[in-house]
C-alpha atoms as a PDB file:
ATOM      1  CA  MET A   1      -5.916  30.982  88.949  1.00  0.00           C
ATOM      2  CA  LYS A   2      -4.579  33.530  86.449  1.00  0.00           C
ATOM      3  CA  GLN A   3      -1.090  31.988  86.684  1.00  0.00           C
ATOM      4  CA  LEU A   4      -2.581  28.575  85.970  1.00  0.00           C
ATOM      5  CA  LEU A   5      -4.499  29.821  82.888  1.00  0.00           C
ATOM      6  CA  LEU A   6      -1.283  31.525  81.557  1.00  0.00           C
ATOM      7  CA  PHE A   7       0.681  28.281  82.085  1.00  0.00           C
ATOM      8  CA  VAL A   8      -2.011  26.330  80.280  1.00  0.00           C
ATOM      9  CA  SER A   9      -1.947  28.864  77.358  1.00  0.00           C
ATOM     10  CA  VAL A  10       1.856  28.549  77.024  1.00  0.00           C
ATOM     11  CA  ILE A  11       1.546  24.692  76.999  1.00  0.00           C
ATOM     12  CA  VAL A  12      -1.187  24.884  74.270  1.00  0.00           C
ATOM     13  CA  VAL A  13       1.054  27.088  72.103  1.00  0.00           C
ATOM     14  CA  ALA A  14       4.048  24.937  72.645  1.00  0.00           C
ATOM     15  CA  VAL A  15       2.027  21.837  71.853  1.00  0.00           C
ATOM     16  CA  GLY A  16       0.813  23.540  68.687  1.00  0.00           C
ATOM     17  CA  LEU A  17       4.369  24.498  67.571  1.00  0.00           C
ATOM     18  CA  LEU A  18       5.555  20.918  68.312  1.00  0.00           C
ATOM     19  CA  ALA A  19       2.587  19.560  66.265  1.00  0.00           C
ATOM     20  CA  CYS A  20       3.395  21.585  63.214  1.00  0.00           C
ATOM     21  CA  GLY A  21       7.167  21.642  63.568  1.00  0.00           C
ATOM     22  CA  ASP A  22       9.233  24.858  63.429  1.00  0.00           C
ATOM     23  CA  PRO A  23       7.083  27.153  61.291  1.00  0.00           C
ATOM     24  CA  TYR A  24      10.138  29.188  60.177  1.00  0.00           C
ATOM     25  CA  GLN A  25      11.693  26.133  58.625  1.00  0.00           C
ATOM     26  CA  GLU A  26       8.632  25.256  56.570  1.00  0.00           C
ATOM     27  CA  LYS A  27       9.127  25.454  52.824  1.00  0.00           C
ATOM     28  CA  MET A  28       7.330  28.084  50.800  1.00  0.00           C
ATOM     29  CA  PRO A  29       4.523  26.719  48.470  1.00  0.00           C
ATOM     30  CA  SER A  30       5.592  25.865  44.935  1.00  0.00           C
ATOM     31  CA  ASP A  31       3.014  28.271  43.482  1.00  0.00           C
ATOM     32  CA  PRO A  32       3.337  31.923  44.629  1.00  0.00           C
ATOM     33  CA  ALA A  33      -0.259  32.471  43.543  1.00  0.00           C
ATOM     34  CA  ASP A  34      -1.504  29.796  46.046  1.00  0.00           C
ATOM     35  CA  LYS A  35      -2.343  32.046  48.930  1.00  0.00           C
ATOM     36  CA  GLY A  36      -4.417  29.421  50.676  1.00  0.00           C
ATOM     37  CA  ALA A  37      -1.249  27.176  51.064  1.00  0.00           C
ATOM     38  CA  LEU A  38       0.660  30.108  52.560  1.00  0.00           C
ATOM     39  CA  LEU A  39      -2.053  31.012  55.099  1.00  0.00           C
ATOM     40  CA  SER A  40      -1.671  27.529  56.595  1.00  0.00           C
ATOM     41  CA  LEU A  41       1.981  28.361  57.368  1.00  0.00           C
ATOM     42  CA  ILE A  42       1.507  31.750  59.075  1.00  0.00           C
ATOM     43  CA  ARG A  43      -0.849  31.015  61.944  1.00  0.00           C
ATOM     44  CA  TYR A  44       2.013  30.593  64.456  1.00  0.00           C
ATOM     45  CA  LEU A  45       3.849  33.665  63.245  1.00  0.00           C
ATOM     46  CA  LYS A  46       3.874  37.092  64.824  1.00  0.00           C
ATOM     47  CA  SER A  47       1.619  39.758  63.180  1.00  0.00           C
ATOM     48  CA  ASP A  48       4.505  41.672  61.688  1.00  0.00           C
ATOM     49  CA  GLU A  49       6.041  38.469  60.294  1.00  0.00           C
ATOM     50  CA  GLN A  50       2.659  37.547  58.804  1.00  0.00           C
ATOM     51  CA  LYS A  51       2.439  40.882  56.984  1.00  0.00           C
ATOM     52  CA  ASP A  52       5.996  40.567  55.718  1.00  0.00           C
ATOM     53  CA  LEU A  53       5.312  36.999  54.463  1.00  0.00           C
ATOM     54  CA  LEU A  54       2.089  37.964  52.730  1.00  0.00           C
ATOM     55  CA  ALA A  55       3.770  41.022  51.212  1.00  0.00           C
ATOM     56  CA  TYR A  56       6.589  38.824  49.852  1.00  0.00           C
ATOM     57  CA  GLN A  57       4.013  36.325  48.439  1.00  0.00           C
ATOM     58  CA  GLU A  58       2.133  39.110  46.587  1.00  0.00           C
ATOM     59  CA  ARG A  59       5.300  40.611  45.199  1.00  0.00           C
ATOM     60  CA  ILE A  60       6.673  37.269  43.945  1.00  0.00           C
ATOM     61  CA  ALA A  61       3.220  36.317  42.478  1.00  0.00           C
ATOM     62  CA  LYS A  62       3.084  39.581  40.480  1.00  0.00           C
ATOM     63  CA  GLN A  63       6.574  39.037  39.209  1.00  0.00           C
ATOM     64  CA  LYS A  64       5.750  35.521  38.038  1.00  0.00           C
ATOM     65  CA  ALA A  65       2.586  36.660  36.370  1.00  0.00           C
ATOM     66  CA  MET A  66       4.716  39.057  34.373  1.00  0.00           C
ATOM     67  CA  GLY A  67       7.128  36.291  33.316  1.00  0.00           C
ATOM     68  CA  GLY A  68       9.457  36.187  36.267  1.00  0.00           C
ATOM     69  CA  GLU A  69      10.434  33.255  38.390  1.00  0.00           C
ATOM     70  CA  GLY A  70       8.698  32.115  41.572  1.00  0.00           C
ATOM     71  CA  TYR A  71      10.233  31.452  45.004  1.00  0.00           C
ATOM     72  CA  PRO A  72      13.847  30.286  45.001  1.00  0.00           C
ATOM     73  CA  THR A  73      14.099  26.508  45.265  1.00  0.00           C
ATOM     74  CA  GLY A  74      13.898  25.353  48.877  1.00  0.00           C
ATOM     75  CA  MET A  75      13.161  28.797  50.303  1.00  0.00           C
ATOM     76  CA  THR A  76      11.905  28.637  53.903  1.00  0.00           C
ATOM     77  CA  VAL A  77       9.408  30.871  55.692  1.00  0.00           C
ATOM     78  CA  ARG A  78      12.319  32.515  57.636  1.00  0.00           C
ATOM     79  CA  GLN A  79      14.212  33.221  54.423  1.00  0.00           C
ATOM     80  CA  ALA A  80      11.126  34.621  52.828  1.00  0.00           C
ATOM     81  CA  ILE A  81      10.502  36.933  55.754  1.00  0.00           C
ATOM     82  CA  ASP A  82      14.166  38.059  55.797  1.00  0.00           C
ATOM     83  CA  GLU A  83      14.126  38.613  51.985  1.00  0.00           C
ATOM     84  CA  GLN A  84      10.973  40.768  52.197  1.00  0.00           C
ATOM     85  CA  ARG A  85      12.506  42.887  54.995  1.00  0.00           C
ATOM     86  CA  ARG A  86      15.660  43.318  53.068  1.00  0.00           C
ATOM     87  CA  TRP A  87      13.705  44.352  49.972  1.00  0.00           C
ATOM     88  CA  THR A  88      11.519  46.726  51.947  1.00  0.00           C
ATOM     89  CA  ARG A  89      14.634  48.368  53.512  1.00  0.00           C
ATOM     90  CA  GLU A  90      16.428  48.702  50.258  1.00  0.00           C
ATOM     91  CA  GLU A  91      13.287  49.961  48.474  1.00  0.00           C
ATOM     92  CA  GLY A  92      12.869  52.577  51.160  1.00  0.00           C
ATOM     93  CA  GLU A  93      16.501  53.654  50.763  1.00  0.00           C
ATOM     94  CA  ARG A  94      16.076  53.832  46.989  1.00  0.00           C
ATOM     95  CA  LEU A  95      12.875  55.981  47.234  1.00  0.00           C
ATOM     96  CA  GLU A  96      14.581  58.280  49.695  1.00  0.00           C
ATOM     97  CA  ARG A  97      17.510  58.734  47.298  1.00  0.00           C
ATOM     98  CA  GLU A  98      15.097  59.520  44.466  1.00  0.00           C
ATOM     99  CA  ARG A  99      13.232  62.014  46.697  1.00  0.00           C
ATOM    100  CA  ALA A 100      16.518  63.618  47.726  1.00  0.00           C
ATOM    101  CA  GLU A 101      17.593  63.828  44.050  1.00  0.00           C
ATOM    102  CA  ALA A 102      14.200  65.333  43.144  1.00  0.00           C
ATOM    103  CA  ARG A 103      14.546  67.929  45.921  1.00  0.00           C
ATOM    104  CA  ARG A 104      18.089  68.745  44.811  1.00  0.00           C
ATOM    105  CA  LYS A 105      16.953  69.249  41.137  1.00  0.00           C
ATOM    106  CA  LEU A 106      14.029  71.442  42.246  1.00  0.00           C
ATOM    107  CA  GLU A 107      16.248  73.559  44.418  1.00  0.00           C
ATOM    108  CA  GLU A 108      18.749  73.885  41.642  1.00  0.00           C
ATOM    109  CA  GLU A 109      15.973  74.898  39.154  1.00  0.00           C
ATOM    110  CA  GLU A 110      14.614  77.429  41.674  1.00  0.00           C
ATOM    111  CA  ARG A 111      18.132  78.846  42.213  1.00  0.00           C
ATOM    112  CA  ARG A 112      18.739  79.085  38.469  1.00  0.00           C
ATOM    113  CA  LYS A 113      15.402  80.886  37.869  1.00  0.00           C
ATOM    114  CA  LYS A 114      16.086  83.243  40.736  1.00  0.00           C
ATOM    115  CA  GLU A 115      19.435  84.098  39.289  1.00  0.00           C
ATOM    116  CA  GLU A 116      17.980  84.602  35.839  1.00  0.00           C
ATOM    117  CA  THR A 117      15.277  86.795  37.233  1.00  0.00           C
ATOM    118  CA  GLU A 118      17.722  88.946  39.218  1.00  0.00           C
ATOM    119  CA  LYS A 119      19.934  89.277  36.106  1.00  0.00           C
ATOM    120  CA  ALA A 120      16.969  90.306  33.945  1.00  0.00           C
ATOM    121  CA  LEU A 121      15.728  92.785  36.592  1.00  0.00           C
ATOM    122  CA  LYS A 122      19.215  94.406  36.758  1.00  0.00           C
ATOM    123  CA  GLN A 123      19.321  94.679  32.974  1.00  0.00           C
ATOM    124  CA  MET A 124      15.863  96.109  32.670  1.00  0.00           C
ATOM    125  CA  LEU A 125      16.345  98.715  35.390  1.00  0.00           C
ATOM    126  CA  ALA A 126      19.507  99.779  33.508  1.00  0.00           C
ATOM    127  CA  ILE A 127      17.513 100.175  30.334  1.00  0.00           C
ATOM    128  CA  CYS A 128      14.443 102.022  31.568  1.00  0.00           C
ATOM    129  CA  SER A 129      13.751 103.663  34.937  1.00  0.00           C
ATOM    130  CA  VAL A 130      10.353 104.818  36.214  1.00  0.00           C
ATOM    131  CA  GLU A 131       9.520 107.452  38.816  1.00  0.00           C
ATOM    132  CA  MET A 132       6.177 108.809  40.192  1.00  0.00           C
ATOM    133  CA  VAL A 133       5.757 112.567  39.529  1.00  0.00           C
ATOM    134  CA  LYS A 134       2.116 113.038  40.646  1.00  0.00           C
ATOM    135  CA  LYS A 135      -0.309 111.395  43.104  1.00  0.00           C
ATOM    136  CA  LYS A 136      -3.662 112.803  44.151  1.00  0.00           C
ATOM    137  CA  VAL A 137      -7.237 111.803  44.763  1.00  0.00           C
ATOM    138  CA  VAL A 138      -9.793 112.994  42.215  1.00  0.00           C
ATOM    139  CA  LYS A 139     -13.546 112.666  41.522  1.00  0.00           C
ATOM    140  CA  LYS A 140     -14.596 110.556  38.583  1.00  0.00           C
ATOM    141  CA  GLY A 141     -17.965 109.872  36.975  1.00  0.00           C
ATOM    142  CA  LYS A 142     -21.273 111.637  37.347  1.00  0.00           C
ATOM    143  CA  GLY A 143     -24.277 111.412  39.685  1.00  0.00           C
ATOM    144  CA  ALA A 144     -24.729 107.957  41.213  1.00  0.00           C
ATOM    145  CA  MET A 145     -21.734 106.727  39.200  1.00  0.00           C
ATOM    146  CA  LYS A 146     -19.319 109.190  40.826  1.00  0.00           C
ATOM    147  CA  PHE A 147     -16.385 107.739  42.673  1.00  0.00           C
ATOM    148  CA  GLU A 148     -12.963 108.743  43.948  1.00  0.00           C
ATOM    149  CA  ALA A 149      -9.759 107.524  42.394  1.00  0.00           C
ATOM    150  CA  PHE A 150      -6.021 107.942  42.723  1.00  0.00           C
ATOM    151  CA  ASP A 151      -4.696 109.944  39.823  1.00  0.00           C
ATOM    152  CA  ILE A 152      -1.104 109.006  39.280  1.00  0.00           C
ATOM    153  CA  ASP A 153       1.527 110.148  36.722  1.00  0.00           C
ATOM    154  CA  LEU A 154       4.697 108.172  35.988  1.00  0.00           C
ATOM    155  CA  ARG A 155       7.729 109.290  34.081  1.00  0.00           C
ATOM    156  CA  PHE A 156       9.522 106.680  32.002  1.00  0.00           C
ATOM    157  CA  HIS A 157      13.160 107.230  30.923  1.00  0.00           C
ATOM    158  CA  ASN A 158      14.656 105.053  28.220  1.00  0.00           C
ATOM    159  CA  LYS A 159      18.389 104.968  29.144  1.00  0.00           C
ATOM    160  CA  GLY A 160      19.124 102.170  26.627  1.00  0.00           C
ATOM    161  CA  LYS A 161      20.352 102.312  23.035  1.00  0.00           C
ATOM    162  CA  LYS A 162      17.211 100.928  21.386  1.00  0.00           C
ATOM    163  CA  ASP A 163      13.603 102.303  21.003  1.00  0.00           C
ATOM    164  CA  LEU A 164      11.050 100.611  23.264  1.00  0.00           C
ATOM    165  CA  SER A 165       7.589  99.614  21.987  1.00  0.00           C
ATOM    166  CA  LEU A 166       6.225  98.029  25.143  1.00  0.00           C
ATOM    167  CA  ILE A 167       6.845  98.459  28.843  1.00  0.00           C
ATOM    168  CA  ILE A 168       5.085  96.348  31.420  1.00  0.00           C
ATOM    169  CA  GLY A 169       5.841  96.538  35.211  1.00  0.00           C
ATOM    170  CA  THR A 170       4.479  97.019  38.665  1.00  0.00           C
ATOM    171  CA  ILE A 171       4.592 100.138  40.782  1.00  0.00           C
ATOM    172  CA  GLU A 172       4.881  99.506  44.541  1.00  0.00           C
ATOM    173  CA  MET A 173       3.883 102.277  46.907  1.00  0.00           C
ATOM    174  CA  ARG A 174       4.955 102.092  50.503  1.00  0.00           C
ATOM    175  CA  ASP A 175       4.813 104.375  53.542  1.00  0.00           C
ATOM    176  CA  GLU A 176       7.920 105.719  55.363  1.00  0.00           C
ATOM    177  CA  ASN A 177       8.195 102.473  57.371  1.00  0.00           C
ATOM    178  CA  GLY A 178       8.141 100.328  54.171  1.00  0.00           C
ATOM    179  CA  LYS A 179       4.572  99.095  54.603  1.00  0.00           C
ATOM    180  CA  LEU A 180       3.075  98.223  51.253  1.00  0.00           C
ATOM    181  CA  LEU A 181       0.025 100.447  50.637  1.00  0.00           C
ATOM    182  CA  LYS A 182      -0.778  99.751  46.958  1.00  0.00           C
ATOM    183  CA  GLU A 183       0.637  98.143  43.842  1.00  0.00           C
ATOM    184  CA  MET A 184      -0.440  98.753  40.236  1.00  0.00           C
ATOM    185  CA  LYS A 185       0.262  96.767  37.132  1.00  0.00           C
ATOM    186  CA  ILE A 186       1.358  99.256  34.434  1.00  0.00           C
ATOM    187  CA  PRO A 187       1.320  98.652  30.644  1.00  0.00           C
ATOM    188  CA  TYR A 188       2.893 101.402  28.528  1.00  0.00           C
ATOM    189  CA  ARG A 189       2.450 100.717  24.813  1.00  0.00           C
ATOM    190  CA  LYS A 190       3.707 103.892  23.200  1.00  0.00           C
ATOM    191  CA  ARG A 191       7.045 104.152  21.451  1.00  0.00           C
ATOM    192  CA  LEU A 192       9.731 105.438  23.661  1.00  0.00           C
ATOM    193  CA  ARG A 193      12.862 106.439  21.799  1.00  0.00           C
ATOM    194  CA  ALA A 194      16.332 105.724  23.155  1.00  0.00           C
ATOM    195  CA  GLY A 195      17.461 108.527  25.491  1.00  0.00           C
ATOM    196  CA  GLN A 196      14.039 110.092  25.749  1.00  0.00           C
ATOM    197  CA  THR A 197      11.439 110.416  28.616  1.00  0.00           C
ATOM    198  CA  ALA A 198       7.689 110.162  28.569  1.00  0.00           C
ATOM    199  CA  THR A 199       4.887 110.711  31.116  1.00  0.00           C
ATOM    200  CA  PHE A 200       2.066 108.257  31.538  1.00  0.00           C
ATOM    201  CA  GLY A 201      -1.021 108.817  33.567  1.00  0.00           C
ATOM    202  CA  GLY A 202      -3.126 106.218  35.303  1.00  0.00           C
ATOM    203  CA  LYS A 203      -5.933 105.873  37.743  1.00  0.00           C
ATOM    204  CA  SER A 204      -6.923 103.440  40.466  1.00  0.00           C
ATOM    205  CA  ARG A 205     -10.068 103.403  42.523  1.00  0.00           C
ATOM    206  CA  TYR A 206      -9.783 104.991  45.995  1.00  0.00           C
ATOM    207  CA  ASP A 207     -11.741 103.299  48.750  1.00  0.00           C
ATOM    208  CA  PRO A 208     -12.106 105.514  51.851  1.00  0.00           C
ATOM    209  CA  SER A 209     -13.077 102.487  53.934  1.00  0.00           C
ATOM    210  CA  ARG A 210      -9.628 100.924  53.343  1.00  0.00           C
ATOM    211  CA  GLU A 211      -6.923 101.939  55.872  1.00  0.00           C
ATOM    212  CA  LYS A 212      -4.164 101.574  53.267  1.00  0.00           C
ATOM    213  CA  ASP A 213      -5.994 103.653  50.688  1.00  0.00           C
ATOM    214  CA  VAL A 214      -6.476 106.445  53.379  1.00  0.00           C
ATOM    215  CA  ALA A 215      -2.823 106.315  54.253  1.00  0.00           C
ATOM    216  CA  LEU A 216      -1.825 106.459  50.655  1.00  0.00           C
ATOM    217  CA  ALA A 217      -4.032 109.470  50.046  1.00  0.00           C
ATOM    218  CA  ASN A 218      -2.650 111.363  53.102  1.00  0.00           C
ATOM    219  CA  ILE A 219       1.087 110.661  52.674  1.00  0.00           C
ATOM    220  CA  PRO A 220       2.943 113.345  50.613  1.00  0.00           C
ATOM    221  CA  LEU A 221       4.589 112.136  47.402  1.00  0.00           C
ATOM    222  CA  SER A 222       7.951 113.278  48.717  1.00  0.00           C
ATOM    223  CA  LYS A 223       7.691 110.837  51.657  1.00  0.00           C
ATOM    224  CA  LEU A 224       6.230 107.964  49.616  1.00  0.00           C
ATOM    225  CA  GLN A 225       8.557 105.038  48.860  1.00  0.00           C
ATOM    226  CA  VAL A 226       7.982 104.097  45.177  1.00  0.00           C
ATOM    227  CA  LYS A 227       9.554 101.059  43.576  1.00  0.00           C
ATOM    228  CA  TRP A 228       9.391 100.099  39.983  1.00  0.00           C
ATOM    229  CA  VAL A 229       9.433  96.340  39.266  1.00  0.00           C
ATOM    230  CA  PRO A 230       9.839  95.679  35.556  1.00  0.00           C
ATOM    231  CA  LYS A 231       8.204  92.613  34.042  1.00  0.00           C
ATOM    232  CA  VAL A 232       8.503  92.927  30.263  1.00  0.00           C
ATOM    233  CA  TYR A 233      10.383  95.286  27.896  1.00  0.00           C
ATOM    234  CA  LYS A 234       9.829  94.915  24.167  1.00  0.00           C
ATOM    235  CA  PHE A 235      11.958  96.806  21.577  1.00  0.00           C
ATOM    236  CA  GLU A 236      10.950  98.230  18.202  1.00  0.00           C
ATOM    237  CA  ASP A 237      13.175  95.592  16.551  1.00  0.00           C
ATOM    238  CA  GLY A 238      10.989  92.834  17.997  1.00  0.00           C
ATOM    239  CA  THR A 239      13.391  91.641  20.618  1.00  0.00           C
ATOM    240  CA  ARG A 240      12.376  91.529  24.260  1.00  0.00           C
ATOM    241  CA  ILE A 241      13.629  90.961  27.768  1.00  0.00           C
ATOM    242  CA  GLY A 242      11.497  89.997  30.759  1.00  0.00           C
ATOM    243  CA  THR A 243      10.898  88.020  33.899  1.00  0.00           C
ATOM    244  CA  GLU A 244       7.485  86.697  32.888  1.00  0.00           C
ATOM    245  CA  PRO A 245       5.641  85.933  29.542  1.00  0.00           C
ATOM    246  CA  GLU A 246       4.209  88.861  27.652  1.00  0.00           C
ATOM    247  CA  PRO A 247       0.401  89.019  28.141  1.00  0.00           C
ATOM    248  CA  GLU A 248      -1.472  87.751  25.119  1.00  0.00           C
ATOM    249  CA  LYS A 249      -3.724  90.689  24.827  1.00  0.00           C
ATOM    250  CA  LEU A 250      -0.871  93.095  24.658  1.00  0.00           C
ATOM    251  CA  ARG A 251       0.929  91.156  21.909  1.00  0.00           C
ATOM    252  CA  ARG A 252       1.095  92.821  18.531  1.00  0.00           C
ATOM    253  CA  ARG A 253       2.833  91.757  15.327  1.00  0.00           C
END
């Protein structure tokens, strides 16, 4: 019974195709905006062919609305499907080329910025070095406002040939295994003459419930790995060097 029904279905489709002729050889409607005329041509097409044909119709209709031409004279359904598939393939290739070019430019820009940052860091470290000379936990405040804090002293050494008016950077503190325990943003705004050193003190809250704070409190300064990462150096003559913009609140004329 199933075989009989399948045979009948095939006959019905075949009769339909014969009744309408070869749908692939049908001519495209004269007006690309006439979607109704197109729908009468696609009922015997496969679903993917229908989508391609409708996509082609919409694309050509938009082009004509903007002053372009309609379908080429005598274009058949098969030619329209093939043309849309060609356009889709080439458009995909074009977009992929654009994406690849965008990725290349982004990678090139990131590489350039990385090189500039590394160059600036090297120059800045040669101009001014920073070392930690004191680290201890102290009590701050009174009564209910009392809290513990890290009391840290840093020594700045201007090894350059010009006086510095602003030094901004980050101090990274790590244990003997290189694990980062704390980092502090340091702004130093006093004048530091060329060839001279200066000591700067700072405090950061100590939280005994934090494992890293406890580790930092217990590790001796001699075993602490301290790294100075410069961000901005500004000179007395107004020139500057840096790896990031100078904070607005620290600017001065």
